[in-house]
Amino acid sequence: MTPPAAGTSAILRAEARVLVRAEPGTVYDTVSDLPRSGERSRERTGGRRVSGTPRRVGAAGRGGAA
């Protein structure tokens, strides 16, 4: 675990690295697909877009948790 960046505070910060053999666009499309996120996680139940263009930088979403 690494300490919070200078000027920030955090209750918990975790970091992980995973090698994924796929094109960046494919990975981005997968991890940014909020409605289907519940299919890949026990903690998530899905989500919905609240602003911005889906699957674009800057888009915001709200998700549900189990």
N, C-alpha and C. Protein backbone atom coordinates (compact mmCIF):
# COMPACT_ATOMS: atom_id res chain seq x y z
N MET A 1 0.85 -1.16 0.00
CA MET A 1 0.00 0.00 0.00
C MET A 1 0.90 1.23 0.00
N THR A 2 0.48 2.24 -0.75
CA THR A 2 1.28 3.46 -0.84
C THR A 2 0.56 4.58 -0.09
N PRO A 3 1.33 5.55 0.42
CA PRO A 3 0.70 6.66 1.13
C PRO A 3 -0.06 7.56 0.16
N PRO A 4 -1.02 8.35 0.66
CA PRO A 4 -1.75 9.28 -0.20
C PRO A 4 -0.81 10.29 -0.83
N ALA A 5 -1.18 10.79 -2.01
CA ALA A 5 -0.39 11.81 -2.69
C ALA A 5 -0.36 13.07 -1.83
N ALA A 6 0.69 13.86 -2.02
CA ALA A 6 0.84 15.11 -1.26
C ALA A 6 -0.39 15.99 -1.44
N GLY A 7 -0.88 16.55 -0.35
CA GLY A 7 -2.02 17.44 -0.42
C GLY A 7 -3.37 16.75 -0.44
N THR A 8 -3.37 15.42 -0.30
CA THR A 8 -4.64 14.68 -0.29
C THR A 8 -4.70 13.83 0.97
N SER A 9 -5.88 13.40 1.29
CA SER A 9 -6.03 12.46 2.40
C SER A 9 -6.87 11.29 1.90
N ALA A 10 -6.66 10.16 2.51
CA ALA A 10 -7.41 8.98 2.09
C ALA A 10 -7.63 8.09 3.30
N ILE A 11 -8.81 7.52 3.37
CA ILE A 11 -9.08 6.54 4.41
C ILE A 11 -8.45 5.22 4.01
N LEU A 12 -8.58 4.88 2.73
CA LEU A 12 -8.02 3.65 2.21
C LEU A 12 -7.60 3.88 0.78
N ARG A 13 -6.44 3.41 0.46
CA ARG A 13 -5.98 3.48 -0.92
C ARG A 13 -5.33 2.15 -1.25
N ALA A 14 -5.77 1.56 -2.33
CA ALA A 14 -5.22 0.29 -2.77
C ALA A 14 -4.81 0.43 -4.22
N GLU A 15 -3.82 -0.34 -4.62
CA GLU A 15 -3.31 -0.28 -5.99
C GLU A 15 -2.99 -1.69 -6.44
N ALA A 16 -3.28 -1.98 -7.70
CA ALA A 16 -2.97 -3.29 -8.25
C ALA A 16 -2.58 -3.13 -9.71
N ARG A 17 -1.81 -4.06 -10.20
CA ARG A 17 -1.42 -4.07 -11.61
C ARG A 17 -1.75 -5.43 -12.19
N VAL A 18 -2.35 -5.38 -13.39
CA VAL A 18 -2.73 -6.62 -14.08
C VAL A 18 -2.36 -6.47 -15.54
N LEU A 19 -1.69 -7.45 -16.10
CA LEU A 19 -1.36 -7.45 -17.52
C LEU A 19 -2.54 -8.02 -18.28
N VAL A 20 -3.09 -7.24 -19.19
CA VAL A 20 -4.24 -7.66 -19.99
C VAL A 20 -3.81 -7.65 -21.45
N ARG A 21 -3.90 -8.78 -22.09
CA ARG A 21 -3.51 -8.88 -23.50
C ARG A 21 -4.72 -8.56 -24.38
N ALA A 22 -4.99 -7.27 -24.52
CA ALA A 22 -6.11 -6.81 -25.33
C ALA A 22 -5.82 -5.39 -25.78
N GLU A 23 -6.48 -4.97 -26.81
CA GLU A 23 -6.33 -3.60 -27.28
C GLU A 23 -6.88 -2.64 -26.23
N PRO A 24 -6.26 -1.48 -26.05
CA PRO A 24 -6.75 -0.52 -25.05
C PRO A 24 -8.23 -0.16 -25.22
N GLY A 25 -8.69 0.01 -26.44
CA GLY A 25 -10.09 0.36 -26.68
C GLY A 25 -11.03 -0.73 -26.20
N THR A 26 -10.64 -1.97 -26.37
CA THR A 26 -11.46 -3.10 -25.92
C THR A 26 -11.54 -3.10 -24.40
N VAL A 27 -10.41 -2.88 -23.74
CA VAL A 27 -10.39 -2.84 -22.28
C VAL A 27 -11.24 -1.68 -21.77
N TYR A 28 -11.07 -0.50 -22.36
CA TYR A 28 -11.83 0.67 -21.92
C TYR A 28 -13.32 0.44 -22.09
N ASP A 29 -13.73 -0.11 -23.23
CA ASP A 29 -15.14 -0.39 -23.46
C ASP A 29 -15.69 -1.35 -22.40
N THR A 30 -14.90 -2.31 -22.00
CA THR A 30 -15.34 -3.30 -21.02
C THR A 30 -15.48 -2.68 -19.63
N VAL A 31 -14.46 -1.98 -19.15
CA VAL A 31 -14.50 -1.46 -17.78
C VAL A 31 -15.42 -0.25 -17.65
N SER A 32 -15.76 0.40 -18.74
CA SER A 32 -16.64 1.57 -18.66
C SER A 32 -18.10 1.25 -18.98
N ASP A 33 -18.42 -0.02 -19.19
CA ASP A 33 -19.79 -0.43 -19.47
C ASP A 33 -20.53 -0.64 -18.15
N LEU A 34 -21.05 0.46 -17.59
CA LEU A 34 -21.66 0.41 -16.26
C LEU A 34 -22.82 -0.56 -16.13
N PRO A 35 -23.77 -0.58 -17.06
CA PRO A 35 -24.89 -1.51 -16.88
C PRO A 35 -24.46 -2.98 -16.76
N ARG A 36 -23.36 -3.35 -17.40
CA ARG A 36 -22.92 -4.76 -17.37
C ARG A 36 -21.88 -5.02 -16.29
N SER A 37 -21.51 -4.00 -15.50
CA SER A 37 -20.45 -4.19 -14.51
C SER A 37 -20.81 -5.24 -13.47
N GLY A 38 -22.09 -5.42 -13.20
CA GLY A 38 -22.51 -6.43 -12.24
C GLY A 38 -22.22 -7.85 -12.68
N GLU A 39 -22.00 -8.06 -13.98
CA GLU A 39 -21.68 -9.40 -14.49
C GLU A 39 -20.25 -9.81 -14.14
N ARG A 40 -19.40 -8.83 -13.83
CA ARG A 40 -17.99 -9.11 -13.59
C ARG A 40 -17.56 -8.90 -12.14
N SER A 41 -18.49 -8.57 -11.27
CA SER A 41 -18.11 -8.25 -9.90
C SER A 41 -19.18 -8.72 -8.92
N ARG A 42 -18.75 -9.28 -7.82
CA ARG A 42 -19.69 -9.68 -6.77
C ARG A 42 -20.18 -8.46 -5.99
N GLU A 43 -19.39 -7.37 -6.00
CA GLU A 43 -19.75 -6.18 -5.24
C GLU A 43 -20.68 -5.24 -5.99
N ARG A 44 -20.64 -5.29 -7.31
CA ARG A 44 -21.40 -4.35 -8.13
C ARG A 44 -22.70 -4.99 -8.61
N THR A 45 -23.73 -4.18 -8.75
CA THR A 45 -24.99 -4.68 -9.28
C THR A 45 -25.33 -4.02 -10.61
N GLY A 46 -24.42 -3.24 -11.14
CA GLY A 46 -24.66 -2.52 -12.39
C GLY A 46 -24.54 -1.04 -12.14
N GLY A 47 -24.98 -0.25 -13.09
CA GLY A 47 -24.88 1.19 -12.92
C GLY A 47 -25.61 1.91 -14.03
N ARG A 48 -25.58 3.22 -13.95
CA ARG A 48 -26.21 4.02 -14.99
C ARG A 48 -25.39 5.28 -15.21
N ARG A 49 -25.45 5.79 -16.38
CA ARG A 49 -24.74 7.01 -16.75
C ARG A 49 -25.51 8.21 -16.21
N VAL A 50 -24.81 9.17 -15.62
CA VAL A 50 -25.49 10.37 -15.12
C VAL A 50 -25.11 11.62 -15.89
N SER A 51 -23.97 11.60 -16.61
CA SER A 51 -23.61 12.74 -17.44
C SER A 51 -22.52 12.34 -18.43
N GLY A 52 -22.39 13.12 -19.48
CA GLY A 52 -21.35 12.86 -20.48
C GLY A 52 -21.77 11.81 -21.48
N THR A 53 -20.90 11.61 -22.45
CA THR A 53 -21.12 10.61 -23.49
C THR A 53 -20.62 9.26 -23.00
N PRO A 54 -21.45 8.23 -23.09
CA PRO A 54 -21.01 6.91 -22.62
C PRO A 54 -19.69 6.48 -23.24
N ARG A 55 -18.87 5.85 -22.41
CA ARG A 55 -17.58 5.30 -22.83
C ARG A 55 -16.63 6.35 -23.39
N ARG A 56 -16.69 7.56 -22.86
CA ARG A 56 -15.78 8.64 -23.23
C ARG A 56 -15.17 9.22 -21.96
N VAL A 57 -13.96 9.71 -22.06
CA VAL A 57 -13.30 10.35 -20.92
C VAL A 57 -14.16 11.49 -20.43
N GLY A 58 -14.36 11.57 -19.13
CA GLY A 58 -15.16 12.63 -18.53
C GLY A 58 -16.59 12.24 -18.26
N ALA A 59 -17.04 11.12 -18.79
CA ALA A 59 -18.41 10.67 -18.52
C ALA A 59 -18.49 10.24 -17.05
N ALA A 60 -19.64 10.45 -16.45
CA ALA A 60 -19.82 10.09 -15.06
C ALA A 60 -20.97 9.11 -14.92
N GLY A 61 -20.85 8.23 -13.96
CA GLY A 61 -21.89 7.25 -13.74
C GLY A 61 -22.12 7.02 -12.27
N ARG A 62 -23.21 6.38 -11.98
CA ARG A 62 -23.54 6.03 -10.60
C ARG A 62 -23.86 4.55 -10.60
N GLY A 63 -23.24 3.82 -9.70
CA GLY A 63 -23.45 2.37 -9.70
C GLY A 63 -24.08 1.89 -8.42
N GLY A 64 -24.57 0.68 -8.50
CA GLY A 64 -25.16 0.05 -7.32
C GLY A 64 -24.19 -0.96 -6.73
N ALA A 65 -24.28 -1.17 -5.45
CA ALA A 65 -23.42 -2.13 -4.78
C ALA A 65 -24.29 -3.18 -4.08
N ALA A 66 -23.77 -4.38 -4.05
CA ALA A 66 -24.50 -5.48 -3.40
C ALA A 66 -24.38 -5.38 -1.91
